[in-house]
Amino acid sequence: RREMRPFGVQVSIIEPGGFRTGMIDPATVVKGFKHLWERLPAETQAAYGHHYLETCEYVLVTFLLHRLSSSRLSHVTGVMAHALLARFPRSRYAAGWDARLALLPLSYCPAWLTDAA
């Protein structure tokens, strides 16, 4: 919505990292992943193998969702409050260490580079 700037509309982009919310509940994610796997054609499942399903479940649940996500949602609400209440809000906010180290620098890169990553 940056095209609204000439009309006096201030836009701030808030880019949160991984936080433990209902959206990344491990049980829900695994259930959805299995549902997608079951909808794949049999030849696609055979090409990847059953080991692929187990590995992805382990990586998603154990590593990405549990170890890398934060339970401190105050990081997100803090940047939201700053964006809404500050006299001079920033145009971009990154909430969480993973967003600052990986997502924010990636967002400034050209689309062809981010698509490759």
PDB file of N, CA and C in Angstrom:
ATOM      1  N   ARG A   1       0.811  -1.207   0.000  1.00  0.00           N
ATOM      2  CA  ARG A   1       0.000   0.000   0.000  1.00  0.00           C
ATOM      3  C   ARG A   1       0.852   1.266   0.000  1.00  0.00           C
ATOM      4  N   ARG A   2       2.071   1.141  -0.398  1.00  0.00           N
ATOM      5  CA  ARG A   2       2.933   2.318  -0.439  1.00  0.00           C
ATOM      6  C   ARG A   2       2.481   3.332  -1.491  1.00  0.00           C
ATOM      7  N   GLU A   3       1.665   2.909  -2.432  1.00  0.00           N
ATOM      8  CA  GLU A   3       1.174   3.844  -3.436  1.00  0.00           C
ATOM      9  C   GLU A   3       0.228   4.880  -2.842  1.00  0.00           C
ATOM     10  N   MET A   4      -0.190   4.683  -1.596  1.00  0.00           N
ATOM     11  CA  MET A   4      -1.090   5.617  -0.915  1.00  0.00           C
ATOM     12  C   MET A   4      -0.341   6.783  -0.257  1.00  0.00           C
ATOM     13  N   ARG A   5       0.977   6.750  -0.268  1.00  0.00           N
ATOM     14  CA  ARG A   5       1.780   7.788   0.396  1.00  0.00           C
ATOM     15  C   ARG A   5       1.459   9.202  -0.101  1.00  0.00           C
ATOM     16  N   PRO A   6       1.276   9.410  -1.413  1.00  0.00           N
ATOM     17  CA  PRO A   6       0.933  10.775  -1.864  1.00  0.00           C
ATOM     18  C   PRO A   6      -0.375  11.304  -1.269  1.00  0.00           C
ATOM     19  N   PHE A   7      -1.205  10.417  -0.767  1.00  0.00           N
ATOM     20  CA  PHE A   7      -2.477  10.832  -0.178  1.00  0.00           C
ATOM     21  C   PHE A   7      -2.411  10.976   1.334  1.00  0.00           C
ATOM     22  N   GLY A   8      -1.206  10.899   1.892  1.00  0.00           N
ATOM     23  CA  GLY A   8      -1.026  11.090   3.325  1.00  0.00           C
ATOM     24  C   GLY A   8      -1.179   9.834   4.164  1.00  0.00           C
ATOM     25  N   VAL A   9      -1.190   8.683   3.544  1.00  0.00           N
ATOM     26  CA  VAL A   9      -1.330   7.428   4.273  1.00  0.00           C
ATOM     27  C   VAL A   9       0.063   6.872   4.563  1.00  0.00           C
ATOM     28  N   GLN A  10       0.378   6.694   5.842  1.00  0.00           N
ATOM     29  CA  GLN A  10       1.665   6.140   6.266  1.00  0.00           C
ATOM     30  C   GLN A  10       1.524   4.627   6.380  1.00  0.00           C
ATOM     31  N   VAL A  11       2.409   3.881   5.724  1.00  0.00           N
ATOM     32  CA  VAL A  11       2.359   2.431   5.753  1.00  0.00           C
ATOM     33  C   VAL A  11       3.635   1.907   6.403  1.00  0.00           C
ATOM     34  N   SER A  12       3.478   1.016   7.374  1.00  0.00           N
ATOM     35  CA  SER A  12       4.604   0.338   8.007  1.00  0.00           C
ATOM     36  C   SER A  12       4.437  -1.158   7.804  1.00  0.00           C
ATOM     37  N   ILE A  13       5.496  -1.797   7.368  1.00  0.00           N
ATOM     38  CA  ILE A  13       5.470  -3.235   7.139  1.00  0.00           C
ATOM     39  C   ILE A  13       6.027  -3.927   8.371  1.00  0.00           C
ATOM     40  N   ILE A  14       5.280  -4.844   8.941  1.00  0.00           N
ATOM     41  CA  ILE A  14       5.727  -5.604  10.106  1.00  0.00           C
ATOM     42  C   ILE A  14       5.976  -7.031   9.648  1.00  0.00           C
ATOM     43  N   GLU A  15       7.222  -7.485   9.809  1.00  0.00           N
ATOM     44  CA  GLU A  15       7.616  -8.816   9.364  1.00  0.00           C
ATOM     45  C   GLU A  15       8.020  -9.651  10.578  1.00  0.00           C
ATOM     46  N   PRO A  16       7.077 -10.419  11.117  1.00  0.00           N
ATOM     47  CA  PRO A  16       7.419 -11.255  12.269  1.00  0.00           C
ATOM     48  C   PRO A  16       8.138 -12.523  11.852  1.00  0.00           C
ATOM     49  N   GLY A  17       8.968 -13.014  12.731  1.00  0.00           N
ATOM     50  CA  GLY A  17       9.629 -14.297  12.507  1.00  0.00           C
ATOM     51  C   GLY A  17       8.712 -15.415  12.960  1.00  0.00           C
ATOM     52  N   GLY A  18       9.299 -16.475  13.488  1.00  0.00           N
ATOM     53  CA  GLY A  18       8.508 -17.610  13.948  1.00  0.00           C
ATOM     54  C   GLY A  18       8.138 -17.470  15.417  1.00  0.00           C
ATOM     55  N   PHE A  19       6.874 -17.526  15.708  1.00  0.00           N
ATOM     56  CA  PHE A  19       6.380 -17.443  17.080  1.00  0.00           C
ATOM     57  C   PHE A  19       5.406 -18.578  17.332  1.00  0.00           C
ATOM     58  N   ARG A  20       5.391 -19.067  18.552  1.00  0.00           N
ATOM     59  CA  ARG A  20       4.527 -20.197  18.916  1.00  0.00           C
ATOM     60  C   ARG A  20       3.096 -19.724  19.096  1.00  0.00           C
ATOM     61  N   THR A  21       2.338 -19.925  18.048  1.00  0.00           N
ATOM     62  CA  THR A  21       0.910 -19.600  18.065  1.00  0.00           C
ATOM     63  C   THR A  21       0.152 -20.826  17.569  1.00  0.00           C
ATOM     64  N   GLY A  22      -1.156 -20.745  17.536  1.00  0.00           N
ATOM     65  CA  GLY A  22      -1.960 -21.853  17.048  1.00  0.00           C
ATOM     66  C   GLY A  22      -1.701 -22.170  15.587  1.00  0.00           C
ATOM     67  N   MET A  23      -1.190 -21.184  14.867  1.00  0.00           N
ATOM     68  CA  MET A  23      -0.930 -21.374  13.444  1.00  0.00           C
ATOM     69  C   MET A  23       0.192 -22.375  13.193  1.00  0.00           C
ATOM     70  N   ILE A  24       1.151 -22.455  14.096  1.00  0.00           N
ATOM     71  CA  ILE A  24       2.255 -23.404  13.911  1.00  0.00           C
ATOM     72  C   ILE A  24       2.262 -24.472  15.005  1.00  0.00           C
ATOM     73  N   ASP A  25       1.077 -24.814  15.484  1.00  0.00           N
ATOM     74  CA  ASP A  25       0.953 -25.908  16.442  1.00  0.00           C
ATOM     75  C   ASP A  25       1.440 -27.184  15.768  1.00  0.00           C
ATOM     76  N   PRO A  26       2.427 -27.879  16.356  1.00  0.00           N
ATOM     77  CA  PRO A  26       3.003 -29.056  15.701  1.00  0.00           C
ATOM     78  C   PRO A  26       1.983 -30.116  15.294  1.00  0.00           C
ATOM     79  N   ALA A  27       1.009 -30.379  16.129  1.00  0.00           N
ATOM     80  CA  ALA A  27       0.016 -31.407  15.794  1.00  0.00           C
ATOM     81  C   ALA A  27      -0.797 -31.010  14.567  1.00  0.00           C
ATOM     82  N   THR A  28      -1.180 -29.754  14.484  1.00  0.00           N
ATOM     83  CA  THR A  28      -1.954 -29.266  13.349  1.00  0.00           C
ATOM     84  C   THR A  28      -1.132 -29.300  12.066  1.00  0.00           C
ATOM     85  N   VAL A  29       0.134 -28.900  12.165  1.00  0.00           N
ATOM     86  CA  VAL A  29       0.993 -28.881  10.980  1.00  0.00           C
ATOM     87  C   VAL A  29       1.216 -30.290  10.452  1.00  0.00           C
ATOM     88  N   VAL A  30       1.502 -31.241  11.335  1.00  0.00           N
ATOM     89  CA  VAL A  30       1.728 -32.621  10.908  1.00  0.00           C
ATOM     90  C   VAL A  30       0.460 -33.202  10.294  1.00  0.00           C
ATOM     91  N   LYS A  31      -0.681 -32.914  10.900  1.00  0.00           N
ATOM     92  CA  LYS A  31      -1.954 -33.414  10.361  1.00  0.00           C
ATOM     93  C   LYS A  31      -2.194 -32.864   8.950  1.00  0.00           C
ATOM     94  N   GLY A  32      -1.935 -31.568   8.742  1.00  0.00           N
ATOM     95  CA  GLY A  32      -2.098 -30.968   7.426  1.00  0.00           C
ATOM     96  C   GLY A  32      -1.108 -31.526   6.417  1.00  0.00           C
ATOM     97  N   PHE A  33       0.123 -31.755   6.865  1.00  0.00           N
ATOM     98  CA  PHE A  33       1.143 -32.313   5.988  1.00  0.00           C
ATOM     99  C   PHE A  33       0.764 -33.727   5.548  1.00  0.00           C
ATOM    100  N   LYS A  34       0.270 -34.537   6.483  1.00  0.00           N
ATOM    101  CA  LYS A  34      -0.164 -35.897   6.140  1.00  0.00           C
ATOM    102  C   LYS A  34      -1.357 -35.868   5.191  1.00  0.00           C
ATOM    103  N   HIS A  35      -2.260 -34.925   5.405  1.00  0.00           N
ATOM    104  CA  HIS A  35      -3.426 -34.798   4.529  1.00  0.00           C
ATOM    105  C   HIS A  35      -2.984 -34.474   3.100  1.00  0.00           C
ATOM    106  N   LEU A  36      -2.032 -33.566   2.957  1.00  0.00           N
ATOM    107  CA  LEU A  36      -1.508 -33.245   1.627  1.00  0.00           C
ATOM    108  C   LEU A  36      -0.811 -34.443   0.995  1.00  0.00           C
ATOM    109  N   TRP A  37      -0.064 -35.181   1.818  1.00  0.00           N
ATOM    110  CA  TRP A  37       0.655 -36.363   1.323  1.00  0.00           C
ATOM    111  C   TRP A  37      -0.328 -37.406   0.786  1.00  0.00           C
ATOM    112  N   GLU A  38      -1.428 -37.615   1.514  1.00  0.00           N
ATOM    113  CA  GLU A  38      -2.415 -38.612   1.100  1.00  0.00           C
ATOM    114  C   GLU A  38      -3.135 -38.218  -0.192  1.00  0.00           C
ATOM    115  N   ARG A  39      -3.192 -36.938  -0.492  1.00  0.00           N
ATOM    116  CA  ARG A  39      -3.845 -36.468  -1.711  1.00  0.00           C
ATOM    117  C   ARG A  39      -2.940 -36.563  -2.933  1.00  0.00           C
ATOM    118  N   LEU A  40      -1.657 -36.793  -2.726  1.00  0.00           N
ATOM    119  CA  LEU A  40      -0.736 -36.928  -3.853  1.00  0.00           C
ATOM    120  C   LEU A  40      -1.005 -38.223  -4.614  1.00  0.00           C
ATOM    121  N   PRO A  41      -0.738 -38.229  -5.907  1.00  0.00           N
ATOM    122  CA  PRO A  41      -0.867 -39.478  -6.667  1.00  0.00           C
ATOM    123  C   PRO A  41       0.117 -40.521  -6.135  1.00  0.00           C
ATOM    124  N   ALA A  42      -0.224 -41.782  -6.287  1.00  0.00           N
ATOM    125  CA  ALA A  42       0.604 -42.877  -5.775  1.00  0.00           C
ATOM    126  C   ALA A  42       2.007 -42.861  -6.380  1.00  0.00           C
ATOM    127  N   GLU A  43       2.122 -42.515  -7.661  1.00  0.00           N
ATOM    128  CA  GLU A  43       3.448 -42.496  -8.278  1.00  0.00           C
ATOM    129  C   GLU A  43       4.333 -41.383  -7.705  1.00  0.00           C
ATOM    130  N   THR A  44       3.736 -40.263  -7.312  1.00  0.00           N
ATOM    131  CA  THR A  44       4.507 -39.194  -6.682  1.00  0.00           C
ATOM    132  C   THR A  44       4.967 -39.624  -5.297  1.00  0.00           C
ATOM    133  N   GLN A  45       4.074 -40.257  -4.537  1.00  0.00           N
ATOM    134  CA  GLN A  45       4.461 -40.771  -3.223  1.00  0.00           C
ATOM    135  C   GLN A  45       5.578 -41.788  -3.350  1.00  0.00           C
ATOM    136  N   ALA A  46       5.482 -42.657  -4.344  1.00  0.00           N
ATOM    137  CA  ALA A  46       6.515 -43.673  -4.552  1.00  0.00           C
ATOM    138  C   ALA A  46       7.844 -43.041  -4.951  1.00  0.00           C
ATOM    139  N   ALA A  47       7.785 -41.971  -5.743  1.00  0.00           N
ATOM    140  CA  ALA A  47       9.021 -41.309  -6.177  1.00  0.00           C
ATOM    141  C   ALA A  47       9.763 -40.704  -4.990  1.00  0.00           C
ATOM    142  N   TYR A  48       9.033 -40.121  -4.057  1.00  0.00           N
ATOM    143  CA  TYR A  48       9.667 -39.526  -2.879  1.00  0.00           C
ATOM    144  C   TYR A  48       9.959 -40.568  -1.810  1.00  0.00           C
ATOM    145  N   GLY A  49       9.101 -41.550  -1.687  1.00  0.00           N
ATOM    146  CA  GLY A  49       9.267 -42.594  -0.689  1.00  0.00           C
ATOM    147  C   GLY A  49       8.679 -42.204   0.655  1.00  0.00           C
ATOM    148  N   HIS A  50       8.356 -43.211   1.455  1.00  0.00           N
ATOM    149  CA  HIS A  50       7.758 -42.967   2.770  1.00  0.00           C
ATOM    150  C   HIS A  50       8.756 -42.308   3.724  1.00  0.00           C
ATOM    151  N   HIS A  51      10.039 -42.549   3.499  1.00  0.00           N
ATOM    152  CA  HIS A  51      11.073 -41.948   4.344  1.00  0.00           C
ATOM    153  C   HIS A  51      11.037 -40.418   4.247  1.00  0.00           C
ATOM    154  N   TYR A  52      10.689 -39.907   3.076  1.00  0.00           N
ATOM    155  CA  TYR A  52      10.588 -38.455   2.873  1.00  0.00           C
ATOM    156  C   TYR A  52       9.534 -37.857   3.798  1.00  0.00           C
ATOM    157  N   LEU A  53       8.393 -38.511   3.911  1.00  0.00           N
ATOM    158  CA  LEU A  53       7.317 -38.038   4.777  1.00  0.00           C
ATOM    159  C   LEU A  53       7.775 -37.982   6.223  1.00  0.00           C
ATOM    160  N   GLU A  54       8.416 -39.040   6.699  1.00  0.00           N
ATOM    161  CA  GLU A  54       8.889 -39.072   8.084  1.00  0.00           C
ATOM    162  C   GLU A  54       9.953 -38.014   8.353  1.00  0.00           C
ATOM    163  N   THR A  55      10.862 -37.818   7.397  1.00  0.00           N
ATOM    164  CA  THR A  55      11.914 -36.820   7.556  1.00  0.00           C
ATOM    165  C   THR A  55      11.334 -35.420   7.613  1.00  0.00           C
ATOM    166  N   CYS A  56      10.412 -35.127   6.726  1.00  0.00           N
ATOM    167  CA  CYS A  56       9.788 -33.802   6.723  1.00  0.00           C
ATOM    168  C   CYS A  56       9.022 -33.539   8.009  1.00  0.00           C
ATOM    169  N   GLU A  57       8.313 -34.529   8.504  1.00  0.00           N
ATOM    170  CA  GLU A  57       7.594 -34.363   9.767  1.00  0.00           C
ATOM    171  C   GLU A  57       8.569 -34.061  10.899  1.00  0.00           C
ATOM    172  N   TYR A  58       9.672 -34.791  10.944  1.00  0.00           N
ATOM    173  CA  TYR A  58      10.664 -34.573  11.999  1.00  0.00           C
ATOM    174  C   TYR A  58      11.263 -33.176  11.905  1.00  0.00           C
ATOM    175  N   VAL A  59      11.646 -32.783  10.697  1.00  0.00           N
ATOM    176  CA  VAL A  59      12.274 -31.467  10.518  1.00  0.00           C
ATOM    177  C   VAL A  59      11.285 -30.362  10.843  1.00  0.00           C
ATOM    178  N   LEU A  60      10.049 -30.474  10.347  1.00  0.00           N
ATOM    179  CA  LEU A  60       9.051 -29.439  10.597  1.00  0.00           C
ATOM    180  C   LEU A  60       8.745 -29.290  12.080  1.00  0.00           C
ATOM    181  N   VAL A  61       8.444 -30.407  12.727  1.00  0.00           N
ATOM    182  CA  VAL A  61       7.989 -30.344  14.113  1.00  0.00           C
ATOM    183  C   VAL A  61       9.133 -30.095  15.080  1.00  0.00           C
ATOM    184  N   THR A  62      10.165 -30.894  15.016  1.00  0.00           N
ATOM    185  CA  THR A  62      11.230 -30.820  16.012  1.00  0.00           C
ATOM    186  C   THR A  62      12.117 -29.610  15.824  1.00  0.00           C
ATOM    187  N   PHE A  63      12.544 -29.383  14.620  1.00  0.00           N
ATOM    188  CA  PHE A  63      13.528 -28.336  14.415  1.00  0.00           C
ATOM    189  C   PHE A  63      12.892 -26.977  14.153  1.00  0.00           C
ATOM    190  N   LEU A  64      12.137 -26.859  13.084  1.00  0.00           N
ATOM    191  CA  LEU A  64      11.638 -25.553  12.681  1.00  0.00           C
ATOM    192  C   LEU A  64      10.591 -24.979  13.631  1.00  0.00           C
ATOM    193  N   LEU A  65       9.601 -25.765  13.978  1.00  0.00           N
ATOM    194  CA  LEU A  65       8.510 -25.223  14.777  1.00  0.00           C
ATOM    195  C   LEU A  65       8.847 -25.096  16.253  1.00  0.00           C
ATOM    196  N   HIS A  66       9.543 -26.058  16.799  1.00  0.00           N
ATOM    197  CA  HIS A  66       9.776 -26.037  18.232  1.00  0.00           C
ATOM    198  C   HIS A  66      11.027 -25.259  18.623  1.00  0.00           C
ATOM    199  N   ARG A  67      12.132 -25.547  17.984  1.00  0.00           N
ATOM    200  CA  ARG A  67      13.398 -24.943  18.407  1.00  0.00           C
ATOM    201  C   ARG A  67      13.600 -23.520  17.921  1.00  0.00           C
ATOM    202  N   LEU A  68      13.112 -23.197  16.751  1.00  0.00           N
ATOM    203  CA  LEU A  68      13.357 -21.870  16.199  1.00  0.00           C
ATOM    204  C   LEU A  68      12.281 -20.850  16.530  1.00  0.00           C
ATOM    205  N   SER A  69      11.127 -21.284  16.963  1.00  0.00           N
ATOM    206  CA  SER A  69      10.062 -20.331  17.259  1.00  0.00           C
ATOM    207  C   SER A  69      10.179 -19.827  18.691  1.00  0.00           C
ATOM    208  N   SER A  70       9.686 -18.626  18.887  1.00  0.00           N
ATOM    209  CA  SER A  70       9.744 -17.976  20.188  1.00  0.00           C
ATOM    210  C   SER A  70       8.346 -17.923  20.796  1.00  0.00           C
ATOM    211  N   SER A  71       8.282 -17.981  22.099  1.00  0.00           N
ATOM    212  CA  SER A  71       6.989 -17.889  22.782  1.00  0.00           C
ATOM    213  C   SER A  71       6.699 -16.457  23.245  1.00  0.00           C
ATOM    214  N   ARG A  72       7.625 -15.545  23.026  1.00  0.00           N
ATOM    215  CA  ARG A  72       7.470 -14.158  23.490  1.00  0.00           C
ATOM    216  C   ARG A  72       6.795 -13.305  22.424  1.00  0.00           C
ATOM    217  N   LEU A  73       5.490 -13.313  22.427  1.00  0.00           N
ATOM    218  CA  LEU A  73       4.727 -12.534  21.459  1.00  0.00           C
ATOM    219  C   LEU A  73       4.835 -11.034  21.700  1.00  0.00           C
ATOM    220  N   SER A  74       5.417 -10.649  22.828  1.00  0.00           N
ATOM    221  CA  SER A  74       5.581  -9.227  23.129  1.00  0.00           C
ATOM    222  C   SER A  74       6.490  -8.540  22.111  1.00  0.00           C
ATOM    223  N   HIS A  75       7.341  -9.296  21.433  1.00  0.00           N
ATOM    224  CA  HIS A  75       8.172  -8.702  20.382  1.00  0.00           C
ATOM    225  C   HIS A  75       7.291  -8.161  19.255  1.00  0.00           C
ATOM    226  N   VAL A  76       6.280  -8.918  18.897  1.00  0.00           N
ATOM    227  CA  VAL A  76       5.384  -8.505  17.810  1.00  0.00           C
ATOM    228  C   VAL A  76       4.497  -7.354  18.264  1.00  0.00           C
ATOM    229  N   THR A  77       3.906  -7.476  19.435  1.00  0.00           N
ATOM    230  CA  THR A  77       3.030  -6.404  19.899  1.00  0.00           C
ATOM    231  C   THR A  77       3.817  -5.122  20.158  1.00  0.00           C
ATOM    232  N   GLY A  78       5.064  -5.246  20.539  1.00  0.00           N
ATOM    233  CA  GLY A  78       5.901  -4.065  20.761  1.00  0.00           C
ATOM    234  C   GLY A  78       6.146  -3.281  19.479  1.00  0.00           C
ATOM    235  N   VAL A  79       6.479  -3.981  18.397  1.00  0.00           N
ATOM    236  CA  VAL A  79       6.702  -3.269  17.136  1.00  0.00           C
ATOM    237  C   VAL A  79       5.390  -2.746  16.560  1.00  0.00           C
ATOM    238  N   MET A  80       4.294  -3.460  16.805  1.00  0.00           N
ATOM    239  CA  MET A  80       2.993  -2.956  16.358  1.00  0.00           C
ATOM    240  C   MET A  80       2.636  -1.665  17.087  1.00  0.00           C
ATOM    241  N   ALA A  81       2.876  -1.643  18.382  1.00  0.00           N
ATOM    242  CA  ALA A  81       2.589  -0.439  19.158  1.00  0.00           C
ATOM    243  C   ALA A  81       3.457   0.724  18.679  1.00  0.00           C
ATOM    244  N   HIS A  82       4.721   0.451  18.416  1.00  0.00           N
ATOM    245  CA  HIS A  82       5.600   1.512  17.929  1.00  0.00           C
ATOM    246  C   HIS A  82       5.131   2.029  16.573  1.00  0.00           C
ATOM    247  N   ALA A  83       4.744   1.132  15.682  1.00  0.00           N
ATOM    248  CA  ALA A  83       4.282   1.536  14.354  1.00  0.00           C
ATOM    249  C   ALA A  83       3.016   2.388  14.425  1.00  0.00           C
ATOM    250  N   LEU A  84       2.152   2.099  15.388  1.00  0.00           N
ATOM    251  CA  LEU A  84       0.897   2.837  15.513  1.00  0.00           C
ATOM    252  C   LEU A  84       1.024   4.133  16.295  1.00  0.00           C
ATOM    253  N   LEU A  85       1.912   4.150  17.307  1.00  0.00           N
ATOM    254  CA  LEU A  85       1.931   5.272  18.234  1.00  0.00           C
ATOM    255  C   LEU A  85       3.117   6.224  18.089  1.00  0.00           C
ATOM    256  N   ALA A  86       4.144   5.824  17.369  1.00  0.00           N
ATOM    257  CA  ALA A  86       5.335   6.668  17.263  1.00  0.00           C
ATOM    258  C   ALA A  86       5.061   7.900  16.407  1.00  0.00           C
ATOM    259  N   ARG A  87       5.724   8.972  16.761  1.00  0.00           N
ATOM    260  CA  ARG A  87       5.596  10.202  15.974  1.00  0.00           C
ATOM    261  C   ARG A  87       6.176  10.009  14.572  1.00  0.00           C
ATOM    262  N   PHE A  88       7.299   9.294  14.490  1.00  0.00           N
ATOM    263  CA  PHE A  88       7.937   8.996  13.211  1.00  0.00           C
ATOM    264  C   PHE A  88       8.152   7.489  13.106  1.00  0.00           C
ATOM    265  N   PRO A  89       7.114   6.756  12.717  1.00  0.00           N
ATOM    266  CA  PRO A  89       7.260   5.296  12.615  1.00  0.00           C
ATOM    267  C   PRO A  89       8.184   4.910  11.458  1.00  0.00           C
ATOM    268  N   ARG A  90       8.848   3.780  11.629  1.00  0.00           N
ATOM    269  CA  ARG A  90       9.718   3.269  10.564  1.00  0.00           C
ATOM    270  C   ARG A  90       8.848   2.655   9.467  1.00  0.00           C
ATOM    271  N   SER A  91       9.437   2.500   8.302  1.00  0.00           N
ATOM    272  CA  SER A  91       8.666   1.901   7.214  1.00  0.00           C
ATOM    273  C   SER A  91       8.674   0.377   7.293  1.00  0.00           C
ATOM    274  N   ARG A  92       9.686  -0.195   7.984  1.00  0.00           N
ATOM    275  CA  ARG A  92       9.787  -1.663   8.120  1.00  0.00           C
ATOM    276  C   ARG A  92      10.151  -2.011   9.552  1.00  0.00           C
ATOM    277  N   TYR A  93       9.505  -3.068  10.045  1.00  0.00           N
ATOM    278  CA  TYR A  93       9.802  -3.601  11.370  1.00  0.00           C
ATOM    279  C   TYR A  93      10.031  -5.102  11.251  1.00  0.00           C
ATOM    280  N   ALA A  94      11.008  -5.597  11.972  1.00  0.00           N
ATOM    281  CA  ALA A  94      11.249  -7.041  12.042  1.00  0.00           C
ATOM    282  C   ALA A  94      11.094  -7.456  13.499  1.00  0.00           C
ATOM    283  N   ALA A  95      10.241  -8.417  13.756  1.00  0.00           N
ATOM    284  CA  ALA A  95       9.997  -8.897  15.117  1.00  0.00           C
ATOM    285  C   ALA A  95      10.577 -10.293  15.269  1.00  0.00           C
ATOM    286  N   GLY A  96      11.513 -10.451  16.173  1.00  0.00           N
ATOM    287  CA  GLY A  96      12.140 -11.739  16.413  1.00  0.00           C
ATOM    288  C   GLY A  96      13.522 -11.808  15.813  1.00  0.00           C
ATOM    289  N   TRP A  97      14.381 -12.606  16.425  1.00  0.00           N
ATOM    290  CA  TRP A  97      15.770 -12.681  15.965  1.00  0.00           C
ATOM    291  C   TRP A  97      15.887 -13.309  14.585  1.00  0.00           C
ATOM    292  N   ASP A  98      15.033 -14.277  14.284  1.00  0.00           N
ATOM    293  CA  ASP A  98      15.107 -14.920  12.973  1.00  0.00           C
ATOM    294  C   ASP A  98      14.690 -13.972  11.854  1.00  0.00           C
ATOM    295  N   ALA A  99      13.741 -13.092  12.141  1.00  0.00           N
ATOM    296  CA  ALA A  99      13.329 -12.115  11.136  1.00  0.00           C
ATOM    297  C   ALA A  99      14.443 -11.101  10.893  1.00  0.00           C
ATOM    298  N   ARG A 100      15.122 -10.705  11.942  1.00  0.00           N
ATOM    299  CA  ARG A 100      16.210  -9.723  11.785  1.00  0.00           C
ATOM    300  C   ARG A 100      17.408 -10.300  11.053  1.00  0.00           C
ATOM    301  N   LEU A 101      17.708 -11.563  11.316  1.00  0.00           N
ATOM    302  CA  LEU A 101      18.905 -12.157  10.720  1.00  0.00           C
ATOM    303  C   LEU A 101      18.685 -12.723   9.321  1.00  0.00           C
ATOM    304  N   ALA A 102      17.502 -13.196   9.026  1.00  0.00           N
ATOM    305  CA  ALA A 102      17.282 -13.863   7.743  1.00  0.00           C
ATOM    306  C   ALA A 102      16.213 -13.177   6.888  1.00  0.00           C
ATOM    307  N   LEU A 103      15.034 -12.992   7.434  1.00  0.00           N
ATOM    308  CA  LEU A 103      13.918 -12.512   6.623  1.00  0.00           C
ATOM    309  C   LEU A 103      14.064 -11.062   6.192  1.00  0.00           C
ATOM    310  N   LEU A 104      14.503 -10.199   7.101  1.00  0.00           N
ATOM    311  CA  LEU A 104      14.608  -8.784   6.762  1.00  0.00           C
ATOM    312  C   LEU A 104      15.656  -8.533   5.687  1.00  0.00           C
ATOM    313  N   PRO A 105      16.885  -9.050   5.823  1.00  0.00           N
ATOM    314  CA  PRO A 105      17.844  -8.835   4.729  1.00  0.00           C
ATOM    315  C   PRO A 105      17.371  -9.430   3.405  1.00  0.00           C
ATOM    316  N   LEU A 106      16.685 -10.567   3.470  1.00  0.00           N
ATOM    317  CA  LEU A 106      16.189 -11.202   2.256  1.00  0.00           C
ATOM    318  C   LEU A 106      15.108 -10.357   1.580  1.00  0.00           C
ATOM    319  N   SER A 107      14.330  -9.624   2.381  1.00  0.00           N
ATOM    320  CA  SER A 107      13.246  -8.824   1.814  1.00  0.00           C
ATOM    321  C   SER A 107      13.758  -7.634   1.003  1.00  0.00           C
ATOM    322  N   TYR A 108      14.999  -7.222   1.229  1.00  0.00           N
ATOM    323  CA  TYR A 108      15.572  -6.120   0.468  1.00  0.00           C
ATOM    324  C   TYR A 108      16.239  -6.597  -0.828  1.00  0.00           C
ATOM    325  N   CYS A 109      16.354  -7.884  -1.008  1.00  0.00           N
ATOM    326  CA  CYS A 109      17.001  -8.442  -2.205  1.00  0.00           C
ATOM    327  C   CYS A 109      16.025  -8.449  -3.374  1.00  0.00           C
ATOM    328  N   PRO A 110      16.544  -8.510  -4.592  1.00  0.00           N
ATOM    329  CA  PRO A 110      15.656  -8.622  -5.750  1.00  0.00           C
ATOM    330  C   PRO A 110      14.862  -9.922  -5.727  1.00  0.00           C
ATOM    331  N   ALA A 111      13.720  -9.913  -6.393  1.00  0.00           N
ATOM    332  CA  ALA A 111      12.825 -11.069  -6.380  1.00  0.00           C
ATOM    333  C   ALA A 111      13.501 -12.325  -6.927  1.00  0.00           C
ATOM    334  N   TRP A 112      14.328 -12.187  -7.959  1.00  0.00           N
ATOM    335  CA  TRP A 112      14.968 -13.373  -8.536  1.00  0.00           C
ATOM    336  C   TRP A 112      15.898 -14.034  -7.539  1.00  0.00           C
ATOM    337  N   LEU A 113      16.491 -13.251  -6.650  1.00  0.00           N
ATOM    338  CA  LEU A 113      17.390 -13.834  -5.645  1.00  0.00           C
ATOM    339  C   LEU A 113      16.610 -14.489  -4.508  1.00  0.00           C
ATOM    340  N   THR A 114      15.543 -13.849  -4.042  1.00  0.00           N
ATOM    341  CA  THR A 114      14.743 -14.436  -2.970  1.00  0.00           C
ATOM    342  C   THR A 114      14.022 -15.690  -3.440  1.00  0.00           C
ATOM    343  N   ASP A 115      13.618 -15.732  -4.704  1.00  0.00           N
ATOM    344  CA  ASP A 115      12.969 -16.922  -5.231  1.00  0.00           C
ATOM    345  C   ASP A 115      13.942 -18.095  -5.304  1.00  0.00           C
ATOM    346  N   ALA A 116      15.206 -17.811  -5.541  1.00  0.00           N
ATOM    347  CA  ALA A 116      16.220 -18.862  -5.619  1.00  0.00           C
ATOM    348  C   ALA A 116      16.576 -19.405  -4.239  1.00  0.00           C
ATOM    349  N   ALA A 117      16.415 -18.609  -3.211  1.00  0.00           N
ATOM    350  CA  ALA A 117      16.780 -19.025  -1.847  1.00  0.00           C
ATOM    351  C   ALA A 117      15.727 -19.849  -1.245  1.00  0.00           C
TER     352      ALA A 117
END
